Amino acid sequence: MQLPYEMRQAYLDRRKKELVVLKDACRNSEFSTLIRIGHQLKGNALPFGFDELNALGARLENTSKEGDLKEASLLVEKIKNYIESYRFSDDARQ
């Protein structure tokens, strides 16, 4: 069962606000923040139906644990692109 469109849209809106935090964390090499947000995405994107965001969160968490800032920055950019370009189908809005 898929969650209502409004709940899924609200989830994405919250993630959009989080992008600033992710970018700042990359800029300041704050791995603990990257790990925390990656872990949260891994844990909460899937129930909202965002499989790719779930996978990106897991990769961000693991990459950040390894201290790979270059790869973490690339993943943050992929997360940003996913969130900003996601479009719901017309069926999802009904």
PDB file of N, CA and C in Angstrom:
ATOM      1  N   MET A   1       0.838  -1.186   0.000  1.00  0.00           N
ATOM      2  CA  MET A   1       0.000   0.000   0.000  1.00  0.00           C
ATOM      3  C   MET A   1       0.880   1.246   0.000  1.00  0.00           C
ATOM      4  N   GLN A   2       0.590   2.152  -0.916  1.00  0.00           N
ATOM      5  CA  GLN A   2       1.365   3.373  -1.032  1.00  0.00           C
ATOM      6  C   GLN A   2       0.734   4.475  -0.184  1.00  0.00           C
ATOM      7  N   LEU A   3       1.587   5.275   0.413  1.00  0.00           N
ATOM      8  CA  LEU A   3       1.107   6.391   1.226  1.00  0.00           C
ATOM      9  C   LEU A   3       0.468   7.447   0.330  1.00  0.00           C
ATOM     10  N   PRO A   4      -0.417   8.260   0.896  1.00  0.00           N
ATOM     11  CA  PRO A   4      -1.058   9.316   0.108  1.00  0.00           C
ATOM     12  C   PRO A   4      -0.034  10.305  -0.468  1.00  0.00           C
ATOM     13  N   TYR A   5      -0.387  10.858  -1.602  1.00  0.00           N
ATOM     14  CA  TYR A   5       0.466  11.826  -2.292  1.00  0.00           C
ATOM     15  C   TYR A   5       0.926  12.941  -1.357  1.00  0.00           C
ATOM     16  N   GLU A   6       0.018  13.492  -0.568  1.00  0.00           N
ATOM     17  CA  GLU A   6       0.343  14.621   0.302  1.00  0.00           C
ATOM     18  C   GLU A   6       1.452  14.269   1.297  1.00  0.00           C
ATOM     19  N   MET A   7       1.403  13.064   1.829  1.00  0.00           N
ATOM     20  CA  MET A   7       2.433  12.630   2.785  1.00  0.00           C
ATOM     21  C   MET A   7       3.779  12.459   2.085  1.00  0.00           C
ATOM     22  N   ARG A   8       3.741  11.894   0.890  1.00  0.00           N
ATOM     23  CA  ARG A   8       4.976  11.682   0.139  1.00  0.00           C
ATOM     24  C   ARG A   8       5.578  13.016  -0.282  1.00  0.00           C
ATOM     25  N   GLN A   9       4.730  13.966  -0.693  1.00  0.00           N
ATOM     26  CA  GLN A   9       5.222  15.288  -1.079  1.00  0.00           C
ATOM     27  C   GLN A   9       5.809  16.014   0.128  1.00  0.00           C
ATOM     28  N   ALA A  10       5.154  15.915   1.275  1.00  0.00           N
ATOM     29  CA  ALA A  10       5.673  16.548   2.493  1.00  0.00           C
ATOM     30  C   ALA A  10       7.031  15.962   2.873  1.00  0.00           C
ATOM     31  N   TYR A  11       7.191  14.663   2.684  1.00  0.00           N
ATOM     32  CA  TYR A  11       8.477  14.021   2.970  1.00  0.00           C
ATOM     33  C   TYR A  11       9.564  14.611   2.074  1.00  0.00           C
ATOM     34  N   LEU A  12       9.288  14.718   0.779  1.00  0.00           N
ATOM     35  CA  LEU A  12      10.278  15.293  -0.138  1.00  0.00           C
ATOM     36  C   LEU A  12      10.572  16.751   0.201  1.00  0.00           C
ATOM     37  N   ASP A  13       9.556  17.496   0.598  1.00  0.00           N
ATOM     38  CA  ASP A  13       9.764  18.900   0.982  1.00  0.00           C
ATOM     39  C   ASP A  13      10.711  19.007   2.174  1.00  0.00           C
ATOM     40  N   ARG A  14      10.573  18.098   3.137  1.00  0.00           N
ATOM     41  CA  ARG A  14      11.486  18.100   4.296  1.00  0.00           C
ATOM     42  C   ARG A  14      12.909  17.762   3.858  1.00  0.00           C
ATOM     43  N   ARG A  15      13.036  16.841   2.922  1.00  0.00           N
ATOM     44  CA  ARG A  15      14.369  16.475   2.425  1.00  0.00           C
ATOM     45  C   ARG A  15      15.010  17.629   1.661  1.00  0.00           C
ATOM     46  N   LYS A  16      14.206  18.420   0.941  1.00  0.00           N
ATOM     47  CA  LYS A  16      14.737  19.587   0.235  1.00  0.00           C
ATOM     48  C   LYS A  16      15.380  20.555   1.218  1.00  0.00           C
ATOM     49  N   LYS A  17      14.742  20.774   2.347  1.00  0.00           N
ATOM     50  CA  LYS A  17      15.290  21.672   3.366  1.00  0.00           C
ATOM     51  C   LYS A  17      16.590  21.118   3.944  1.00  0.00           C
ATOM     52  N   GLU A  18      16.705  19.815   3.967  1.00  0.00           N
ATOM     53  CA  GLU A  18      17.882  19.141   4.514  1.00  0.00           C
ATOM     54  C   GLU A  18      19.098  19.246   3.585  1.00  0.00           C
ATOM     55  N   LEU A  19      18.879  19.579   2.332  1.00  0.00           N
ATOM     56  CA  LEU A  19      19.984  19.672   1.377  1.00  0.00           C
ATOM     57  C   LEU A  19      21.020  20.713   1.804  1.00  0.00           C
ATOM     58  N   VAL A  20      20.573  21.795   2.405  1.00  0.00           N
ATOM     59  CA  VAL A  20      21.493  22.832   2.883  1.00  0.00           C
ATOM     60  C   VAL A  20      22.417  22.254   3.947  1.00  0.00           C
ATOM     61  N   VAL A  21      21.862  21.477   4.840  1.00  0.00           N
ATOM     62  CA  VAL A  21      22.643  20.843   5.902  1.00  0.00           C
ATOM     63  C   VAL A  21      23.665  19.875   5.296  1.00  0.00           C
ATOM     64  N   LEU A  22      23.228  19.102   4.316  1.00  0.00           N
ATOM     65  CA  LEU A  22      24.137  18.144   3.664  1.00  0.00           C
ATOM     66  C   LEU A  22      25.293  18.861   2.969  1.00  0.00           C
ATOM     67  N   LYS A  23      24.989  19.922   2.252  1.00  0.00           N
ATOM     68  CA  LYS A  23      26.040  20.659   1.553  1.00  0.00           C
ATOM     69  C   LYS A  23      27.013  21.289   2.542  1.00  0.00           C
ATOM     70  N   ASP A  24      26.488  21.865   3.615  1.00  0.00           N
ATOM     71  CA  ASP A  24      27.358  22.445   4.651  1.00  0.00           C
ATOM     72  C   ASP A  24      28.231  21.367   5.283  1.00  0.00           C
ATOM     73  N   ALA A  25      27.657  20.198   5.523  1.00  0.00           N
ATOM     74  CA  ALA A  25      28.415  19.093   6.121  1.00  0.00           C
ATOM     75  C   ALA A  25      29.566  18.681   5.209  1.00  0.00           C
ATOM     76  N   CYS A  26      29.325  18.651   3.917  1.00  0.00           N
ATOM     77  CA  CYS A  26      30.407  18.324   2.970  1.00  0.00           C
ATOM     78  C   CYS A  26      31.478  19.412   2.999  1.00  0.00           C
ATOM     79  N   ARG A  27      31.037  20.649   2.950  1.00  0.00           N
ATOM     80  CA  ARG A  27      31.973  21.778   2.937  1.00  0.00           C
ATOM     81  C   ARG A  27      32.853  21.802   4.188  1.00  0.00           C
ATOM     82  N   ASN A  28      32.287  21.373   5.313  1.00  0.00           N
ATOM     83  CA  ASN A  28      33.009  21.423   6.591  1.00  0.00           C
ATOM     84  C   ASN A  28      33.533  20.063   7.053  1.00  0.00           C
ATOM     85  N   SER A  29      33.469  19.075   6.172  1.00  0.00           N
ATOM     86  CA  SER A  29      33.938  17.711   6.490  1.00  0.00           C
ATOM     87  C   SER A  29      33.314  17.164   7.772  1.00  0.00           C
ATOM     88  N   GLU A  30      32.021  17.384   7.932  1.00  0.00           N
ATOM     89  CA  GLU A  30      31.299  16.913   9.112  1.00  0.00           C
ATOM     90  C   GLU A  30      30.734  15.520   8.837  1.00  0.00           C
ATOM     91  N   PHE A  31      31.588  14.543   8.978  1.00  0.00           N
ATOM     92  CA  PHE A  31      31.191  13.179   8.653  1.00  0.00           C
ATOM     93  C   PHE A  31      30.070  12.669   9.546  1.00  0.00           C
ATOM     94  N   SER A  32      30.048  13.103  10.794  1.00  0.00           N
ATOM     95  CA  SER A  32      28.986  12.620  11.685  1.00  0.00           C
ATOM     96  C   SER A  32      27.607  13.057  11.182  1.00  0.00           C
ATOM     97  N   THR A  33      27.518  14.259  10.641  1.00  0.00           N
ATOM     98  CA  THR A  33      26.247  14.740  10.087  1.00  0.00           C
ATOM     99  C   THR A  33      25.886  13.954   8.833  1.00  0.00           C
ATOM    100  N   LEU A  34      26.859  13.714   7.976  1.00  0.00           N
ATOM    101  CA  LEU A  34      26.624  12.940   6.751  1.00  0.00           C
ATOM    102  C   LEU A  34      26.187  11.516   7.080  1.00  0.00           C
ATOM    103  N   ILE A  35      26.815  10.922   8.074  1.00  0.00           N
ATOM    104  CA  ILE A  35      26.449   9.566   8.501  1.00  0.00           C
ATOM    105  C   ILE A  35      25.018   9.548   9.039  1.00  0.00           C
ATOM    106  N   ARG A  36      24.694  10.524   9.885  1.00  0.00           N
ATOM    107  CA  ARG A  36      23.363  10.587  10.502  1.00  0.00           C
ATOM    108  C   ARG A  36      22.268  10.747   9.449  1.00  0.00           C
ATOM    109  N   ILE A  37      22.457  11.700   8.533  1.00  0.00           N
ATOM    110  CA  ILE A  37      21.423  11.937   7.525  1.00  0.00           C
ATOM    111  C   ILE A  37      21.355  10.774   6.537  1.00  0.00           C
ATOM    112  N   GLY A  38      22.496  10.223   6.174  1.00  0.00           N
ATOM    113  CA  GLY A  38      22.497   9.042   5.313  1.00  0.00           C
ATOM    114  C   GLY A  38      21.730   7.900   5.954  1.00  0.00           C
ATOM    115  N   HIS A  39      21.968   7.698   7.241  1.00  0.00           N
ATOM    116  CA  HIS A  39      21.273   6.640   7.978  1.00  0.00           C
ATOM    117  C   HIS A  39      19.760   6.897   8.012  1.00  0.00           C
ATOM    118  N   GLN A  40      19.385   8.143   8.237  1.00  0.00           N
ATOM    119  CA  GLN A  40      17.958   8.489   8.268  1.00  0.00           C
ATOM    120  C   GLN A  40      17.295   8.243   6.914  1.00  0.00           C
ATOM    121  N   LEU A  41      17.977   8.642   5.843  1.00  0.00           N
ATOM    122  CA  LEU A  41      17.421   8.395   4.508  1.00  0.00           C
ATOM    123  C   LEU A  41      17.272   6.904   4.248  1.00  0.00           C
ATOM    124  N   LYS A  42      18.288   6.167   4.655  1.00  0.00           N
ATOM    125  CA  LYS A  42      18.246   4.707   4.480  1.00  0.00           C
ATOM    126  C   LYS A  42      17.048   4.122   5.221  1.00  0.00           C
ATOM    127  N   GLY A  43      16.754   4.663   6.372  1.00  0.00           N
ATOM    128  CA  GLY A  43      15.694   4.107   7.196  1.00  0.00           C
ATOM    129  C   GLY A  43      14.301   4.589   6.874  1.00  0.00           C
ATOM    130  N   ASN A  44      14.187   5.824   6.335  1.00  0.00           N
ATOM    131  CA  ASN A  44      12.819   6.332   6.184  1.00  0.00           C
ATOM    132  C   ASN A  44      12.369   6.615   4.759  1.00  0.00           C
ATOM    133  N   ALA A  45      13.237   6.530   3.770  1.00  0.00           N
ATOM    134  CA  ALA A  45      12.816   6.793   2.388  1.00  0.00           C
ATOM    135  C   ALA A  45      11.973   5.656   1.815  1.00  0.00           C
ATOM    136  N   LEU A  46      12.310   4.440   2.179  1.00  0.00           N
ATOM    137  CA  LEU A  46      11.636   3.270   1.612  1.00  0.00           C
ATOM    138  C   LEU A  46      10.130   3.229   1.915  1.00  0.00           C
ATOM    139  N   PRO A  47       9.696   3.453   3.158  1.00  0.00           N
ATOM    140  CA  PRO A  47       8.261   3.417   3.422  1.00  0.00           C
ATOM    141  C   PRO A  47       7.468   4.460   2.619  1.00  0.00           C
ATOM    142  N   PHE A  48       8.153   5.531   2.204  1.00  0.00           N
ATOM    143  CA  PHE A  48       7.493   6.561   1.403  1.00  0.00           C
ATOM    144  C   PHE A  48       7.548   6.234  -0.087  1.00  0.00           C
ATOM    145  N   GLY A  49       8.193   5.119  -0.433  1.00  0.00           N
ATOM    146  CA  GLY A  49       8.234   4.679  -1.815  1.00  0.00           C
ATOM    147  C   GLY A  49       9.395   5.220  -2.627  1.00  0.00           C
ATOM    148  N   PHE A  50      10.414   5.740  -1.961  1.00  0.00           N
ATOM    149  CA  PHE A  50      11.560   6.316  -2.646  1.00  0.00           C
ATOM    150  C   PHE A  50      12.752   5.364  -2.551  1.00  0.00           C
ATOM    151  N   ASP A  51      12.691   4.306  -3.353  1.00  0.00           N
ATOM    152  CA  ASP A  51      13.717   3.260  -3.312  1.00  0.00           C
ATOM    153  C   ASP A  51      15.111   3.793  -3.620  1.00  0.00           C
ATOM    154  N   GLU A  52      15.204   4.635  -4.642  1.00  0.00           N
ATOM    155  CA  GLU A  52      16.519   5.161  -5.028  1.00  0.00           C
ATOM    156  C   GLU A  52      17.097   6.057  -3.937  1.00  0.00           C
ATOM    157  N   LEU A  53      16.265   6.848  -3.310  1.00  0.00           N
ATOM    158  CA  LEU A  53      16.721   7.708  -2.220  1.00  0.00           C
ATOM    159  C   LEU A  53      17.195   6.862  -1.039  1.00  0.00           C
ATOM    160  N   ASN A  54      16.518   5.762  -0.797  1.00  0.00           N
ATOM    161  CA  ASN A  54      16.923   4.811   0.229  1.00  0.00           C
ATOM    162  C   ASN A  54      18.334   4.296  -0.064  1.00  0.00           C
ATOM    163  N   ALA A  55      18.571   3.890  -1.300  1.00  0.00           N
ATOM    164  CA  ALA A  55      19.883   3.357  -1.688  1.00  0.00           C
ATOM    165  C   ALA A  55      20.968   4.433  -1.604  1.00  0.00           C
ATOM    166  N   LEU A  56      20.647   5.639  -2.021  1.00  0.00           N
ATOM    167  CA  LEU A  56      21.624   6.731  -1.940  1.00  0.00           C
ATOM    168  C   LEU A  56      21.965   7.050  -0.484  1.00  0.00           C
ATOM    169  N   GLY A  57      20.962   7.000   0.384  1.00  0.00           N
ATOM    170  CA  GLY A  57      21.208   7.231   1.811  1.00  0.00           C
ATOM    171  C   GLY A  57      22.136   6.191   2.399  1.00  0.00           C
ATOM    172  N   ALA A  58      21.916   4.933   2.043  1.00  0.00           N
ATOM    173  CA  ALA A  58      22.782   3.852   2.533  1.00  0.00           C
ATOM    174  C   ALA A  58      24.214   4.042   2.046  1.00  0.00           C
ATOM    175  N   ARG A  59      24.355   4.422   0.780  1.00  0.00           N
ATOM    176  CA  ARG A  59      25.699   4.650   0.235  1.00  0.00           C
ATOM    177  C   ARG A  59      26.366   5.839   0.909  1.00  0.00           C
ATOM    178  N   LEU A  60      25.596   6.905   1.179  1.00  0.00           N
ATOM    179  CA  LEU A  60      26.153   8.080   1.857  1.00  0.00           C
ATOM    180  C   LEU A  60      26.616   7.708   3.261  1.00  0.00           C
ATOM    181  N   GLU A  61      25.822   6.959   3.960  1.00  0.00           N
ATOM    182  CA  GLU A  61      26.200   6.536   5.310  1.00  0.00           C
ATOM    183  C   GLU A  61      27.515   5.745   5.278  1.00  0.00           C
ATOM    184  N   ASN A  62      27.598   4.761   4.412  1.00  0.00           N
ATOM    185  CA  ASN A  62      28.790   3.911   4.350  1.00  0.00           C
ATOM    186  C   ASN A  62      30.022   4.679   3.887  1.00  0.00           C
ATOM    187  N   THR A  63      29.859   5.502   2.860  1.00  0.00           N
ATOM    188  CA  THR A  63      30.975   6.287   2.340  1.00  0.00           C
ATOM    189  C   THR A  63      31.493   7.255   3.399  1.00  0.00           C
ATOM    190  N   SER A  64      30.582   7.860   4.133  1.00  0.00           N
ATOM    191  CA  SER A  64      30.980   8.808   5.175  1.00  0.00           C
ATOM    192  C   SER A  64      31.682   8.110   6.328  1.00  0.00           C
ATOM    193  N   LYS A  65      31.250   6.908   6.651  1.00  0.00           N
ATOM    194  CA  LYS A  65      31.939   6.131   7.689  1.00  0.00           C
ATOM    195  C   LYS A  65      33.378   5.833   7.284  1.00  0.00           C
ATOM    196  N   GLU A  66      33.607   5.697   5.968  1.00  0.00           N
ATOM    197  CA  GLU A  66      34.951   5.437   5.458  1.00  0.00           C
ATOM    198  C   GLU A  66      35.779   6.713   5.337  1.00  0.00           C
ATOM    199  N   GLY A  67      35.152   7.871   5.545  1.00  0.00           N
ATOM    200  CA  GLY A  67      35.865   9.140   5.482  1.00  0.00           C
ATOM    201  C   GLY A  67      36.175   9.621   4.080  1.00  0.00           C
ATOM    202  N   ASP A  68      35.394   9.175   3.096  1.00  0.00           N
ATOM    203  CA  ASP A  68      35.620   9.540   1.704  1.00  0.00           C
ATOM    204  C   ASP A  68      34.769  10.763   1.356  1.00  0.00           C
ATOM    205  N   LEU A  69      35.345  11.939   1.561  1.00  0.00           N
ATOM    206  CA  LEU A  69      34.605  13.183   1.354  1.00  0.00           C
ATOM    207  C   LEU A  69      34.264  13.408  -0.118  1.00  0.00           C
ATOM    208  N   LYS A  70      35.158  13.046  -1.008  1.00  0.00           N
ATOM    209  CA  LYS A  70      34.908  13.226  -2.436  1.00  0.00           C
ATOM    210  C   LYS A  70      33.674  12.431  -2.877  1.00  0.00           C
ATOM    211  N   GLU A  71      33.613  11.160  -2.498  1.00  0.00           N
ATOM    212  CA  GLU A  71      32.471  10.317  -2.870  1.00  0.00           C
ATOM    213  C   GLU A  71      31.204  10.774  -2.140  1.00  0.00           C
ATOM    214  N   ALA A  72      31.332  11.184  -0.876  1.00  0.00           N
ATOM    215  CA  ALA A  72      30.169  11.673  -0.128  1.00  0.00           C
ATOM    216  C   ALA A  72      29.594  12.914  -0.810  1.00  0.00           C
ATOM    217  N   SER A  73      30.455  13.803  -1.282  1.00  0.00           N
ATOM    218  CA  SER A  73      29.996  15.007  -1.979  1.00  0.00           C
ATOM    219  C   SER A  73      29.269  14.653  -3.266  1.00  0.00           C
ATOM    220  N   LEU A  74      29.768  13.665  -3.990  1.00  0.00           N
ATOM    221  CA  LEU A  74      29.093  13.211  -5.212  1.00  0.00           C
ATOM    222  C   LEU A  74      27.714  12.629  -4.888  1.00  0.00           C
ATOM    223  N   LEU A  75      27.642  11.887  -3.801  1.00  0.00           N
ATOM    224  CA  LEU A  75      26.357  11.300  -3.393  1.00  0.00           C
ATOM    225  C   LEU A  75      25.367  12.378  -2.959  1.00  0.00           C
ATOM    226  N   VAL A  76      25.848  13.394  -2.273  1.00  0.00           N
ATOM    227  CA  VAL A  76      24.971  14.498  -1.878  1.00  0.00           C
ATOM    228  C   VAL A  76      24.412  15.175  -3.124  1.00  0.00           C
ATOM    229  N   GLU A  77      25.235  15.333  -4.141  1.00  0.00           N
ATOM    230  CA  GLU A  77      24.763  15.922  -5.401  1.00  0.00           C
ATOM    231  C   GLU A  77      23.718  15.019  -6.060  1.00  0.00           C
ATOM    232  N   LYS A  78      23.925  13.706  -6.013  1.00  0.00           N
ATOM    233  CA  LYS A  78      22.935  12.774  -6.568  1.00  0.00           C
ATOM    234  C   LYS A  78      21.627  12.835  -5.780  1.00  0.00           C
ATOM    235  N   ILE A  79      21.725  12.948  -4.472  1.00  0.00           N
ATOM    236  CA  ILE A  79      20.534  13.076  -3.624  1.00  0.00           C
ATOM    237  C   ILE A  79      19.790  14.360  -3.997  1.00  0.00           C
ATOM    238  N   LYS A  80      20.522  15.444  -4.129  1.00  0.00           N
ATOM    239  CA  LYS A  80      19.935  16.731  -4.521  1.00  0.00           C
ATOM    240  C   LYS A  80      19.216  16.597  -5.860  1.00  0.00           C
ATOM    241  N   ASN A  81      19.885  16.028  -6.837  1.00  0.00           N
ATOM    242  CA  ASN A  81      19.285  15.876  -8.169  1.00  0.00           C
ATOM    243  C   ASN A  81      18.026  15.017  -8.118  1.00  0.00           C
ATOM    244  N   TYR A  82      18.080  13.955  -7.340  1.00  0.00           N
ATOM    245  CA  TYR A  82      16.915  13.073  -7.223  1.00  0.00           C
ATOM    246  C   TYR A  82      15.733  13.829  -6.619  1.00  0.00           C
ATOM    247  N   ILE A  83      15.968  14.509  -5.519  1.00  0.00           N
ATOM    248  CA  ILE A  83      14.892  15.208  -4.816  1.00  0.00           C
ATOM    249  C   ILE A  83      14.318  16.328  -5.678  1.00  0.00           C
ATOM    250  N   GLU A  84      15.194  17.096  -6.310  1.00  0.00           N
ATOM    251  CA  GLU A  84      14.726  18.246  -7.084  1.00  0.00           C
ATOM    252  C   GLU A  84      14.066  17.859  -8.404  1.00  0.00           C
ATOM    253  N   SER A  85      14.385  16.690  -8.922  1.00  0.00           N
ATOM    254  CA  SER A  85      13.821  16.304 -10.212  1.00  0.00           C
ATOM    255  C   SER A  85      12.672  15.301 -10.099  1.00  0.00           C
ATOM    256  N   TYR A  86      12.386  14.822  -8.893  1.00  0.00           N
ATOM    257  CA  TYR A  86      11.344  13.815  -8.738  1.00  0.00           C
ATOM    258  C   TYR A  86       9.987  14.389  -9.120  1.00  0.00           C
ATOM    259  N   ARG A  87       9.260  13.640  -9.925  1.00  0.00           N
ATOM    260  CA  ARG A  87       7.908  14.029 -10.332  1.00  0.00           C
ATOM    261  C   ARG A  87       6.967  12.869 -10.061  1.00  0.00           C
ATOM    262  N   PHE A  88       5.861  13.178  -9.415  1.00  0.00           N
ATOM    263  CA  PHE A  88       4.850  12.157  -9.154  1.00  0.00           C
ATOM    264  C   PHE A  88       4.047  11.920 -10.432  1.00  0.00           C
ATOM    265  N   SER A  89       3.656  10.683 -10.621  1.00  0.00           N
ATOM    266  CA  SER A  89       2.775  10.387 -11.756  1.00  0.00           C
ATOM    267  C   SER A  89       1.385  10.937 -11.437  1.00  0.00           C
ATOM    268  N   ASP A  90       0.597  11.093 -12.463  1.00  0.00           N
ATOM    269  CA  ASP A  90      -0.771  11.591 -12.252  1.00  0.00           C
ATOM    270  C   ASP A  90      -1.578  10.666 -11.354  1.00  0.00           C
ATOM    271  N   ASP A  91      -1.309   9.355 -11.430  1.00  0.00           N
ATOM    272  CA  ASP A  91      -2.003   8.388 -10.592  1.00  0.00           C
ATOM    273  C   ASP A  91      -1.716   8.614  -9.118  1.00  0.00           C
ATOM    274  N   ALA A  92      -0.506   9.031  -8.794  1.00  0.00           N
ATOM    275  CA  ALA A  92      -0.115   9.208  -7.400  1.00  0.00           C
ATOM    276  C   ALA A  92      -0.836  10.389  -6.762  1.00  0.00           C
ATOM    277  N   ARG A  93      -1.299  11.328  -7.558  1.00  0.00           N
ATOM    278  CA  ARG A  93      -1.945  12.537  -7.022  1.00  0.00           C
ATOM    279  C   ARG A  93      -3.431  12.331  -6.728  1.00  0.00           C
ATOM    280  N   GLN A  94      -3.965  11.220  -7.150  1.00  0.00           N
ATOM    281  CA  GLN A  94      -5.404  11.002  -6.968  1.00  0.00           C
ATOM    282  C   GLN A  94      -5.696  10.293  -5.669  1.00  0.00           C
TER     283      GLN A  94
END
